[in-house]
C-alpha atoms as a PDB file:
ATOM      1  CA  UNK A   1       0.000   0.000   0.000  1.00  0.00           C
ATOM      2  CA  UNK A   2       2.811   2.422   0.868  1.00  0.00           C
ATOM      3  CA  UNK A   3       4.426   1.723  -2.516  1.00  0.00           C
ATOM      4  CA  UNK A   4       1.142   2.475  -4.281  1.00  0.00           C
ATOM      5  CA  UNK A   5       0.725   5.753  -2.390  1.00  0.00           C
ATOM      6  CA  UNK A   6       4.325   6.699  -3.137  1.00  0.00           C
ATOM      7  CA  UNK A   7       3.835   5.867  -6.819  1.00  0.00           C
ATOM      8  CA  UNK A   8       0.676   7.984  -7.039  1.00  0.00           C
ATOM      9  CA  UNK A   9       2.449  10.798  -5.237  1.00  0.00           C
ATOM     10  CA  UNK A  10       5.342  10.698  -7.692  1.00  0.00           C
ATOM     11  CA  UNK A  11       2.922  10.898 -10.628  1.00  0.00           C
ATOM     12  CA  UNK A  12       1.146  13.902  -9.106  1.00  0.00           C
ATOM     13  CA  UNK A  13       4.483  15.596  -8.440  1.00  0.00           C
ATOM     14  CA  UNK A  14       5.610  14.972 -12.020  1.00  0.00           C
ATOM     15  CA  UNK A  15       2.391  16.399 -13.459  1.00  0.00           C
ATOM     16  CA  UNK A  16       2.637  19.428 -11.180  1.00  0.00           C
ATOM     17  CA  UNK A  17       6.216  20.020 -12.322  1.00  0.00           C
ATOM     18  CA  UNK A  18       5.295  19.879 -16.010  1.00  0.00           C
ATOM     19  CA  UNK A  19       1.904  21.609 -15.749  1.00  0.00           C
ATOM     20  CA  UNK A  20       2.033  23.841 -12.629  1.00  0.00           C
ATOM     21  CA  UNK A  21      -1.034  25.781 -13.813  1.00  0.00           C
ATOM     22  CA  UNK A  22      -3.115  22.631 -13.319  1.00  0.00           C
ATOM     23  CA  UNK A  23      -2.535  22.836  -9.568  1.00  0.00           C
ATOM     24  CA  UNK A  24      -2.963  26.577  -9.070  1.00  0.00           C
ATOM     25  CA  UNK A  25      -6.380  26.015  -7.502  1.00  0.00           C
ATOM     26  CA  UNK A  26      -5.409  22.953  -5.482  1.00  0.00           C
ATOM     27  CA  UNK A  27      -6.140  23.793  -1.825  1.00  0.00           C
ATOM     28  CA  UNK A  28      -3.264  24.288   0.567  1.00  0.00           C
ATOM     29  CA  UNK A  29      -3.087  23.931   4.331  1.00  0.00           C
ATOM     30  CA  UNK A  30      -2.570  27.136   6.350  1.00  0.00           C
ATOM     31  CA  UNK A  31       1.055  27.114   7.490  1.00  0.00           C
ATOM     32  CA  UNK A  32       2.082  30.720   8.080  1.00  0.00           C
ATOM     33  CA  UNK A  33       2.561  32.755  11.214  1.00  0.00           C
ATOM     34  CA  UNK A  34      -0.092  32.922  13.918  1.00  0.00           C
ATOM     35  CA  UNK A  35      -1.959  36.157  14.444  1.00  0.00           C
ATOM     36  CA  UNK A  36      -0.641  38.191  17.385  1.00  0.00           C
ATOM     37  CA  UNK A  37      -3.725  39.668  19.018  1.00  0.00           C
ATOM     38  CA  UNK A  38      -1.667  41.372  21.729  1.00  0.00           C
ATOM     39  CA  UNK A  39      -0.893  44.226  19.319  1.00  0.00           C
ATOM     40  CA  UNK A  40      -4.602  44.992  18.873  1.00  0.00           C
ATOM     41  CA  UNK A  41      -7.497  46.285  20.948  1.00  0.00           C
ATOM     42  CA  UNK A  42     -11.162  45.485  20.356  1.00  0.00           C
ATOM     43  CA  UNK A  43     -13.157  48.331  18.781  1.00  0.00           C
ATOM     44  CA  UNK A  44     -16.393  46.668  17.667  1.00  0.00           C
ATOM     45  CA  UNK A  45     -18.093  43.286  17.916  1.00  0.00           C
ATOM     46  CA  UNK A  46     -21.353  41.430  17.680  1.00  0.00           C
ATOM     47  CA  UNK A  47     -21.586  38.184  19.639  1.00  0.00           C
ATOM     48  CA  UNK A  48     -25.227  37.625  18.570  1.00  0.00           C
ATOM     49  CA  UNK A  49     -26.179  36.777  22.158  1.00  0.00           C
ATOM     50  CA  UNK A  50     -29.685  38.200  21.975  1.00  0.00           C
ATOM     51  CA  UNK A  51     -32.687  36.886  20.096  1.00  0.00           C
ATOM     52  CA  UNK A  52     -33.124  39.789  17.682  1.00  0.00           C
ATOM     53  CA  UNK A  53     -31.164  41.240  14.784  1.00  0.00           C
ATOM     54  CA  UNK A  54     -29.257  44.277  16.138  1.00  0.00           C
ATOM     55  CA  UNK A  55     -30.174  47.166  13.858  1.00  0.00           C
ATOM     56  CA  UNK A  56     -27.787  49.480  15.718  1.00  0.00           C
ATOM     57  CA  UNK A  57     -24.907  47.450  14.258  1.00  0.00           C
ATOM     58  CA  UNK A  58     -26.172  46.049  10.963  1.00  0.00           C
ATOM     59  CA  UNK A  59     -28.503  46.876   8.127  1.00  0.00           C
ATOM     60  CA  UNK A  60     -30.348  44.638   5.721  1.00  0.00           C
ATOM     61  CA  UNK A  61     -30.058  46.314   2.297  1.00  0.00           C
ATOM     62  CA  UNK A  62     -33.769  46.002   1.521  1.00  0.00           C
ATOM     63  CA  UNK A  63     -33.406  47.902  -1.769  1.00  0.00           C
ATOM     64  CA  UNK A  64     -31.579  44.903  -3.275  1.00  0.00           C
ATOM     65  CA  UNK A  65     -33.649  41.825  -4.104  1.00  0.00           C
ATOM     66  CA  UNK A  66     -32.555  39.898  -7.192  1.00  0.00           C
ATOM     67  CA  UNK A  67     -28.934  38.799  -6.793  1.00  0.00           C
ATOM     68  CA  UNK A  68     -27.228  36.530  -9.327  1.00  0.00           C
ATOM     69  CA  UNK A  69     -29.161  33.223  -9.361  1.00  0.00           C
ATOM     70  CA  UNK A  70     -31.391  33.984  -6.394  1.00  0.00           C
ATOM     71  CA  UNK A  71     -32.897  36.679  -4.202  1.00  0.00           C
ATOM     72  CA  UNK A  72     -31.855  38.454  -1.027  1.00  0.00           C
ATOM     73  CA  UNK A  73     -34.631  38.918   1.529  1.00  0.00           C
ATOM     74  CA  UNK A  74     -34.501  40.151   5.118  1.00  0.00           C
ATOM     75  CA  UNK A  75     -36.843  37.323   6.126  1.00  0.00           C
ATOM     76  CA  UNK A  76     -33.956  34.905   5.574  1.00  0.00           C
ATOM     77  CA  UNK A  77     -31.873  36.524   8.346  1.00  0.00           C
ATOM     78  CA  UNK A  78     -32.400  35.705  12.025  1.00  0.00           C
ATOM     79  CA  UNK A  79     -30.620  35.515  15.376  1.00  0.00           C
ATOM     80  CA  UNK A  80     -30.940  32.387  17.506  1.00  0.00           C
ATOM     81  CA  UNK A  81     -28.943  30.489  20.155  1.00  0.00           C
ATOM     82  CA  UNK A  82     -26.068  32.965  20.070  1.00  0.00           C
ATOM     83  CA  UNK A  83     -25.721  32.958  16.290  1.00  0.00           C
ATOM     84  CA  UNK A  84     -26.619  35.058  13.301  1.00  0.00           C
ATOM     85  CA  UNK A  85     -28.272  32.694  10.819  1.00  0.00           C
ATOM     86  CA  UNK A  86     -28.673  33.313   7.095  1.00  0.00           C
ATOM     87  CA  UNK A  87     -31.008  30.689   5.652  1.00  0.00           C
ATOM     88  CA  UNK A  88     -31.052  29.628   2.006  1.00  0.00           C
ATOM     89  CA  UNK A  89     -34.188  27.937   0.708  1.00  0.00           C
ATOM     90  CA  UNK A  90     -36.232  27.490  -2.456  1.00  0.00           C
ATOM     91  CA  UNK A  91     -39.595  29.249  -2.142  1.00  0.00           C
ATOM     92  CA  UNK A  92     -42.140  28.074  -4.705  1.00  0.00           C
ATOM     93  CA  UNK A  93     -44.418  31.029  -3.983  1.00  0.00           C
ATOM     94  CA  UNK A  94     -41.639  33.603  -3.961  1.00  0.00           C
ATOM     95  CA  UNK A  95     -41.377  36.471  -1.487  1.00  0.00           C
ATOM     96  CA  UNK A  96     -41.947  40.231  -1.452  1.00  0.00           C
ATOM     97  CA  UNK A  97     -43.431  40.239  -4.932  1.00  0.00           C
ATOM     98  CA  UNK A  98     -40.599  38.229  -6.442  1.00  0.00           C
ATOM     99  CA  UNK A  99     -41.183  34.908  -8.229  1.00  0.00           C
ATOM    100  CA  UNK A 100     -40.313  31.363  -7.214  1.00  0.00           C
ATOM    101  CA  UNK A 101     -36.619  30.840  -6.656  1.00  0.00           C
ATOM    102  CA  UNK A 102     -33.824  30.433  -4.149  1.00  0.00           C
ATOM    103  CA  UNK A 103     -33.916  32.988  -1.350  1.00  0.00           C
ATOM    104  CA  UNK A 104     -31.072  33.878   0.983  1.00  0.00           C
ATOM    105  CA  UNK A 105     -29.738  36.953   2.795  1.00  0.00           C
ATOM    106  CA  UNK A 106     -27.150  39.641   3.398  1.00  0.00           C
ATOM    107  CA  UNK A 107     -26.302  41.979   6.281  1.00  0.00           C
ATOM    108  CA  UNK A 108     -23.751  44.773   6.372  1.00  0.00           C
ATOM    109  CA  UNK A 109     -22.455  47.509   8.657  1.00  0.00           C
ATOM    110  CA  UNK A 110     -22.799  50.255   6.036  1.00  0.00           C
ATOM    111  CA  UNK A 111     -23.810  53.544   7.756  1.00  0.00           C
ATOM    112  CA  UNK A 112     -23.358  51.821  11.147  1.00  0.00           C
ATOM    113  CA  UNK A 113     -19.652  50.991  11.392  1.00  0.00           C
ATOM    114  CA  UNK A 114     -16.534  51.172   9.272  1.00  0.00           C
ATOM    115  CA  UNK A 115     -12.820  51.117  10.020  1.00  0.00           C
ATOM    116  CA  UNK A 116      -9.500  51.612   8.279  1.00  0.00           C
ATOM    117  CA  UNK A 117      -6.763  49.109   9.194  1.00  0.00           C
ATOM    118  CA  UNK A 118      -6.768  46.555  12.003  1.00  0.00           C
ATOM    119  CA  UNK A 119      -7.821  42.931  12.383  1.00  0.00           C
ATOM    120  CA  UNK A 120     -11.251  41.634  11.344  1.00  0.00           C
ATOM    121  CA  UNK A 121     -12.520  38.148  12.227  1.00  0.00           C
ATOM    122  CA  UNK A 122     -15.655  36.024  12.163  1.00  0.00           C
ATOM    123  CA  UNK A 123     -16.345  32.543  13.519  1.00  0.00           C
ATOM    124  CA  UNK A 124     -18.846  30.547  11.517  1.00  0.00           C
ATOM    125  CA  UNK A 125     -20.183  27.328   9.964  1.00  0.00           C
ATOM    126  CA  UNK A 126     -20.703  27.330   6.198  1.00  0.00           C
ATOM    127  CA  UNK A 127     -23.882  26.340   4.276  1.00  0.00           C
ATOM    128  CA  UNK A 128     -23.513  22.875   2.659  1.00  0.00           C
ATOM    129  CA  UNK A 129     -24.625  23.086  -0.964  1.00  0.00           C
ATOM    130  CA  UNK A 130     -23.029  23.323  -4.367  1.00  0.00           C
ATOM    131  CA  UNK A 131     -24.075  26.191  -6.608  1.00  0.00           C
ATOM    132  CA  UNK A 132     -23.931  28.796  -3.830  1.00  0.00           C
ATOM    133  CA  UNK A 133     -21.485  30.322  -1.390  1.00  0.00           C
ATOM    134  CA  UNK A 134     -21.247  32.272   1.830  1.00  0.00           C
ATOM    135  CA  UNK A 135     -18.805  35.116   2.386  1.00  0.00           C
ATOM    136  CA  UNK A 136     -17.306  37.513   4.913  1.00  0.00           C
ATOM    137  CA  UNK A 137     -16.079  40.602   3.092  1.00  0.00           C
ATOM    138  CA  UNK A 138     -15.644  44.363   3.179  1.00  0.00           C
ATOM    139  CA  UNK A 139     -15.843  47.290   0.799  1.00  0.00           C
ATOM    140  CA  UNK A 140     -16.619  50.992   0.361  1.00  0.00           C
ATOM    141  CA  UNK A 141     -17.839  53.194  -2.468  1.00  0.00           C
ATOM    142  CA  UNK A 142     -14.266  53.795  -3.655  1.00  0.00           C
ATOM    143  CA  UNK A 143     -14.296  50.270  -5.083  1.00  0.00           C
ATOM    144  CA  UNK A 144     -16.269  51.645  -8.044  1.00  0.00           C
ATOM    145  CA  UNK A 145     -13.660  54.281  -8.967  1.00  0.00           C
ATOM    146  CA  UNK A 146     -11.802  53.228 -12.106  1.00  0.00           C
ATOM    147  CA  UNK A 147      -8.353  54.744 -11.652  1.00  0.00           C
ATOM    148  CA  UNK A 148      -5.973  51.782 -11.844  1.00  0.00           C
ATOM    149  CA  UNK A 149      -5.631  51.620  -8.079  1.00  0.00           C
ATOM    150  CA  UNK A 150      -7.252  50.055  -5.049  1.00  0.00           C
ATOM    151  CA  UNK A 151      -5.987  52.821  -2.753  1.00  0.00           C
ATOM    152  CA  UNK A 152      -9.364  54.533  -2.575  1.00  0.00           C
ATOM    153  CA  UNK A 153     -11.325  51.345  -1.976  1.00  0.00           C
ATOM    154  CA  UNK A 154     -11.022  47.598  -2.463  1.00  0.00           C
ATOM    155  CA  UNK A 155     -13.469  44.744  -2.121  1.00  0.00           C
ATOM    156  CA  UNK A 156     -11.657  42.409   0.257  1.00  0.00           C
ATOM    157  CA  UNK A 157     -13.051  38.886   0.367  1.00  0.00           C
ATOM    158  CA  UNK A 158     -11.840  37.585   3.704  1.00  0.00           C
ATOM    159  CA  UNK A 159     -13.324  34.275   2.645  1.00  0.00           C
ATOM    160  CA  UNK A 160     -15.764  32.839   0.122  1.00  0.00           C
ATOM    161  CA  UNK A 161     -16.977  29.227   0.333  1.00  0.00           C
ATOM    162  CA  UNK A 162     -17.219  28.242  -3.319  1.00  0.00           C
ATOM    163  CA  UNK A 163     -16.136  24.619  -3.104  1.00  0.00           C
ATOM    164  CA  UNK A 164     -18.702  22.431  -1.425  1.00  0.00           C
ATOM    165  CA  UNK A 165     -17.909  19.311  -3.446  1.00  0.00           C
ATOM    166  CA  UNK A 166     -17.198  15.676  -2.564  1.00  0.00           C
ATOM    167  CA  UNK A 167     -13.844  15.371  -4.305  1.00  0.00           C
ATOM    168  CA  UNK A 168     -11.555  12.594  -3.119  1.00  0.00           C
ATOM    169  CA  UNK A 169      -9.049  15.214  -1.935  1.00  0.00           C
ATOM    170  CA  UNK A 170     -11.810  16.964   0.060  1.00  0.00           C
ATOM    171  CA  UNK A 171     -11.396  20.240  -1.844  1.00  0.00           C
ATOM    172  CA  UNK A 172     -14.835  21.148  -0.548  1.00  0.00           C
ATOM    173  CA  UNK A 173     -13.245  21.856   2.825  1.00  0.00           C
ATOM    174  CA  UNK A 174     -11.432  24.875   1.382  1.00  0.00           C
ATOM    175  CA  UNK A 175     -12.234  28.566   1.005  1.00  0.00           C
ATOM    176  CA  UNK A 176     -10.787  31.299  -1.197  1.00  0.00           C
ATOM    177  CA  UNK A 177      -9.646  34.828  -0.304  1.00  0.00           C
ATOM    178  CA  UNK A 178      -8.985  37.735  -2.644  1.00  0.00           C
ATOM    179  CA  UNK A 179      -9.436  41.371  -3.634  1.00  0.00           C
ATOM    180  CA  UNK A 180     -11.231  43.362  -6.367  1.00  0.00           C
ATOM    181  CA  UNK A 181     -10.930  47.024  -7.373  1.00  0.00           C
ATOM    182  CA  UNK A 182     -11.645  49.395 -10.293  1.00  0.00           C
ATOM    183  CA  UNK A 183     -15.330  48.570 -10.316  1.00  0.00           C
ATOM    184  CA  UNK A 184     -17.057  45.510 -11.731  1.00  0.00           C
ATOM    185  CA  UNK A 185     -17.012  46.220 -15.454  1.00  0.00           C
ATOM    186  CA  UNK A 186     -14.415  45.575 -18.134  1.00  0.00           C
ATOM    187  CA  UNK A 187     -11.794  47.576 -16.182  1.00  0.00           C
ATOM    188  CA  UNK A 188     -12.203  45.492 -13.032  1.00  0.00           C
ATOM    189  CA  UNK A 189      -9.014  44.098 -11.547  1.00  0.00           C
ATOM    190  CA  UNK A 190      -8.224  41.714  -8.721  1.00  0.00           C
ATOM    191  CA  UNK A 191      -6.010  39.087  -7.194  1.00  0.00           C
ATOM    192  CA  UNK A 192      -6.328  35.999  -4.996  1.00  0.00           C
ATOM    193  CA  UNK A 193      -4.194  33.966  -2.614  1.00  0.00           C
ATOM    194  CA  UNK A 194      -5.978  30.823  -3.824  1.00  0.00           C
ATOM    195  CA  UNK A 195      -7.783  28.128  -1.850  1.00  0.00           C
ATOM    196  CA  UNK A 196      -6.914  27.026   1.679  1.00  0.00           C
ATOM    197  CA  UNK A 197      -8.286  24.241   3.834  1.00  0.00           C
ATOM    198  CA  UNK A 198     -10.404  24.891   6.905  1.00  0.00           C
ATOM    199  CA  UNK A 199     -11.316  22.214   9.466  1.00  0.00           C
ATOM    200  CA  UNK A 200     -14.580  20.500   8.480  1.00  0.00           C
ATOM    201  CA  UNK A 201     -16.090  23.960   7.805  1.00  0.00           C
ATOM    202  CA  UNK A 202     -19.600  22.794   6.843  1.00  0.00           C
ATOM    203  CA  UNK A 203     -20.138  21.115  10.205  1.00  0.00           C
ATOM    204  CA  UNK A 204     -17.823  22.888  12.632  1.00  0.00           C
ATOM    205  CA  UNK A 205     -16.934  26.463  13.541  1.00  0.00           C
ATOM    206  CA  UNK A 206     -13.787  27.960  12.025  1.00  0.00           C
ATOM    207  CA  UNK A 207     -12.435  31.499  12.245  1.00  0.00           C
ATOM    208  CA  UNK A 208     -11.561  33.575   9.197  1.00  0.00           C
ATOM    209  CA  UNK A 209      -9.560  36.747   9.671  1.00  0.00           C
ATOM    210  CA  UNK A 210      -7.891  39.649   7.921  1.00  0.00           C
ATOM    211  CA  UNK A 211      -5.078  41.879   9.127  1.00  0.00           C
ATOM    212  CA  UNK A 212      -5.138  45.105   7.132  1.00  0.00           C
ATOM    213  CA  UNK A 213      -2.257  47.566   7.382  1.00  0.00           C
ATOM    214  CA  UNK A 214      -0.970  50.353   5.077  1.00  0.00           C
ATOM    215  CA  UNK A 215       1.240  47.894   3.197  1.00  0.00           C
ATOM    216  CA  UNK A 216      -0.804  44.729   2.675  1.00  0.00           C
ATOM    217  CA  UNK A 217      -3.750  42.476   3.436  1.00  0.00           C
ATOM    218  CA  UNK A 218      -2.885  39.356   5.464  1.00  0.00           C
ATOM    219  CA  UNK A 219      -5.418  36.510   5.530  1.00  0.00           C
ATOM    220  CA  UNK A 220      -5.913  33.908   8.286  1.00  0.00           C
ATOM    221  CA  UNK A 221      -7.828  30.703   8.952  1.00  0.00           C
ATOM    222  CA  UNK A 222      -8.118  29.698  12.609  1.00  0.00           C
ATOM    223  CA  UNK A 223      -5.476  32.282  13.454  1.00  0.00           C
ATOM    224  CA  UNK A 224      -2.886  30.893  11.021  1.00  0.00           C
ATOM    225  CA  UNK A 225      -1.727  32.991   8.071  1.00  0.00           C
ATOM    226  CA  UNK A 226      -2.697  31.787   4.601  1.00  0.00           C
ATOM    227  CA  UNK A 227      -1.419  34.546   2.337  1.00  0.00           C
ATOM    228  CA  UNK A 228      -0.793  38.223   1.619  1.00  0.00           C
ATOM    229  CA  UNK A 229      -1.923  40.627  -1.099  1.00  0.00           C
ATOM    230  CA  UNK A 230      -1.111  44.206  -2.058  1.00  0.00           C
ATOM    231  CA  UNK A 231      -1.901  44.165  -5.781  1.00  0.00           C
ATOM    232  CA  UNK A 232      -3.072  47.570  -6.997  1.00  0.00           C
ATOM    233  CA  UNK A 233      -2.213  49.201  -3.694  1.00  0.00           C
ATOM    234  CA  UNK A 234      -3.910  48.915  -0.327  1.00  0.00           C
ATOM    235  CA  UNK A 235      -7.085  50.807   0.524  1.00  0.00           C
ATOM    236  CA  UNK A 236      -6.444  53.719   2.860  1.00  0.00           C
ATOM    237  CA  UNK A 237     -10.115  54.508   3.430  1.00  0.00           C
ATOM    238  CA  UNK A 238     -12.508  53.071   6.032  1.00  0.00           C
ATOM    239  CA  UNK A 239     -14.577  50.104   4.847  1.00  0.00           C
ATOM    240  CA  UNK A 240     -17.699  48.374   6.109  1.00  0.00           C
ATOM    241  CA  UNK A 241     -18.304  44.665   6.761  1.00  0.00           C
ATOM    242  CA  UNK A 242     -20.631  42.269   4.947  1.00  0.00           C
ATOM    243  CA  UNK A 243     -21.922  38.760   5.673  1.00  0.00           C
ATOM    244  CA  UNK A 244     -23.806  37.195   2.781  1.00  0.00           C
ATOM    245  CA  UNK A 245     -24.885  34.141   0.833  1.00  0.00           C
ATOM    246  CA  UNK A 246     -25.289  34.068  -2.938  1.00  0.00           C
ATOM    247  CA  UNK A 247     -26.651  31.569  -5.449  1.00  0.00           C
ATOM    248  CA  UNK A 248     -24.831  30.982  -8.736  1.00  0.00           C
ATOM    249  CA  UNK A 249     -26.687  32.027 -11.879  1.00  0.00           C
ATOM    250  CA  UNK A 250     -28.220  35.205 -13.249  1.00  0.00           C
ATOM    251  CA  UNK A 251     -31.517  37.076 -13.430  1.00  0.00           C
ATOM    252  CA  UNK A 252     -32.735  35.241 -10.336  1.00  0.00           C
ATOM    253  CA  UNK A 253     -32.380  31.854 -12.031  1.00  0.00           C
ATOM    254  CA  UNK A 254     -30.033  29.368 -10.371  1.00  0.00           C
ATOM    255  CA  UNK A 255     -27.509  27.741 -12.675  1.00  0.00           C
ATOM    256  CA  UNK A 256     -23.834  26.876 -12.873  1.00  0.00           C
ATOM    257  CA  UNK A 257     -21.860  30.034 -13.717  1.00  0.00           C
ATOM    258  CA  UNK A 258     -18.331  31.415 -13.970  1.00  0.00           C
ATOM    259  CA  UNK A 259     -17.756  31.047 -10.233  1.00  0.00           C
ATOM    260  CA  UNK A 260     -17.207  27.313 -10.661  1.00  0.00           C
ATOM    261  CA  UNK A 261     -19.529  26.181  -7.883  1.00  0.00           C
ATOM    262  CA  UNK A 262     -21.559  23.940 -10.172  1.00  0.00           C
ATOM    263  CA  UNK A 263     -25.329  23.670 -10.225  1.00  0.00           C
ATOM    264  CA  UNK A 264     -27.093  24.149  -6.912  1.00  0.00           C
ATOM    265  CA  UNK A 265     -27.702  20.881  -5.062  1.00  0.00           C
ATOM    266  CA  UNK A 266     -30.156  22.262  -2.488  1.00  0.00           C
ATOM    267  CA  UNK A 267     -33.492  20.545  -3.298  1.00  0.00           C
ATOM    268  CA  UNK A 268     -36.604  22.559  -4.135  1.00  0.00           C
ATOM    269  CA  UNK A 269     -38.658  20.646  -1.567  1.00  0.00           C
ATOM    270  CA  UNK A 270     -38.406  23.091   1.316  1.00  0.00           C
ATOM    271  CA  UNK A 271     -34.950  21.951   2.429  1.00  0.00           C
ATOM    272  CA  UNK A 272     -32.772  24.615   4.037  1.00  0.00           C
ATOM    273  CA  UNK A 273     -29.070  25.250   4.540  1.00  0.00           C
ATOM    274  CA  UNK A 274     -27.610  27.736   6.996  1.00  0.00           C
ATOM    275  CA  UNK A 275     -24.722  30.168   7.229  1.00  0.00           C
ATOM    276  CA  UNK A 276     -24.210  30.220  11.002  1.00  0.00           C
ATOM    277  CA  UNK A 277     -22.105  33.048  12.446  1.00  0.00           C
ATOM    278  CA  UNK A 278     -21.050  32.893  16.088  1.00  0.00           C
ATOM    279  CA  UNK A 279     -19.392  36.309  16.210  1.00  0.00           C
ATOM    280  CA  UNK A 280     -17.780  39.135  14.276  1.00  0.00           C
ATOM    281  CA  UNK A 281     -14.960  41.053  15.989  1.00  0.00           C
ATOM    282  CA  UNK A 282     -12.951  44.060  14.878  1.00  0.00           C
ATOM    283  CA  UNK A 283      -9.693  45.279  16.384  1.00  0.00           C
ATOM    284  CA  UNK A 284      -7.482  48.296  15.839  1.00  0.00           C
ATOM    285  CA  UNK A 285      -3.747  48.590  16.328  1.00  0.00           C
ATOM    286  CA  UNK A 286      -2.758  49.744  19.805  1.00  0.00           C
ATOM    287  CA  UNK A 287      -1.254  53.205  19.922  1.00  0.00           C
END
């Protein structure tokens, strides 16, 4: 058996040496430095300990409904048992005047809280379905400025869970982190550190963090560094936080799309999946 494993390993290594591009998206295990929280102080948090959505800290952007292959609706967001819960479900009768489709949710701190630089972290369990993803991210209006730079604003995806798949190498246990700037049209630019493994993220809590300083963005899973980015320059403006789920597709119709998540596997029989967030915490550098 050991000889067989060694032989397979040698073949994989040979292929990777000849065609390194084929393994660019192969998930890696976090192996960098551990986050040093002693250099930070807490500035904002939501532990979701109550039983109601805290509108002093978050908003539900009610003016957005159709989103890619599904719909965002505030009814899909709740707080229970010390968690924020974003539910994704197919509704045959639709909601809020929208037609049948997959409904999910988004919350953000826009107009409530924003910060420039520091450490940002959430602890959560991811929703188990192909064809959709959950995310913890941040942005500001400067993201839409097309000027060849991310200095005025950058979408920072602290994590996105786009790989719920039963591959033999358990790639579904990985998440991706990256940045986007210069809007979302033909001038849009971005970069990614690639995919990194979390620990059984669709059944167990993991933490996903970002250290943001004037020089770079540093990403973490469970307090261990996964990668760094500074492409296009680092945003030097305050940004707000977002927790969301999205369904692959367009015009409110779920389908496999460019995000590579495949077709949604969540049945249309009333089944639900949940993005469960234990806390969100924000720190600033100590003076």
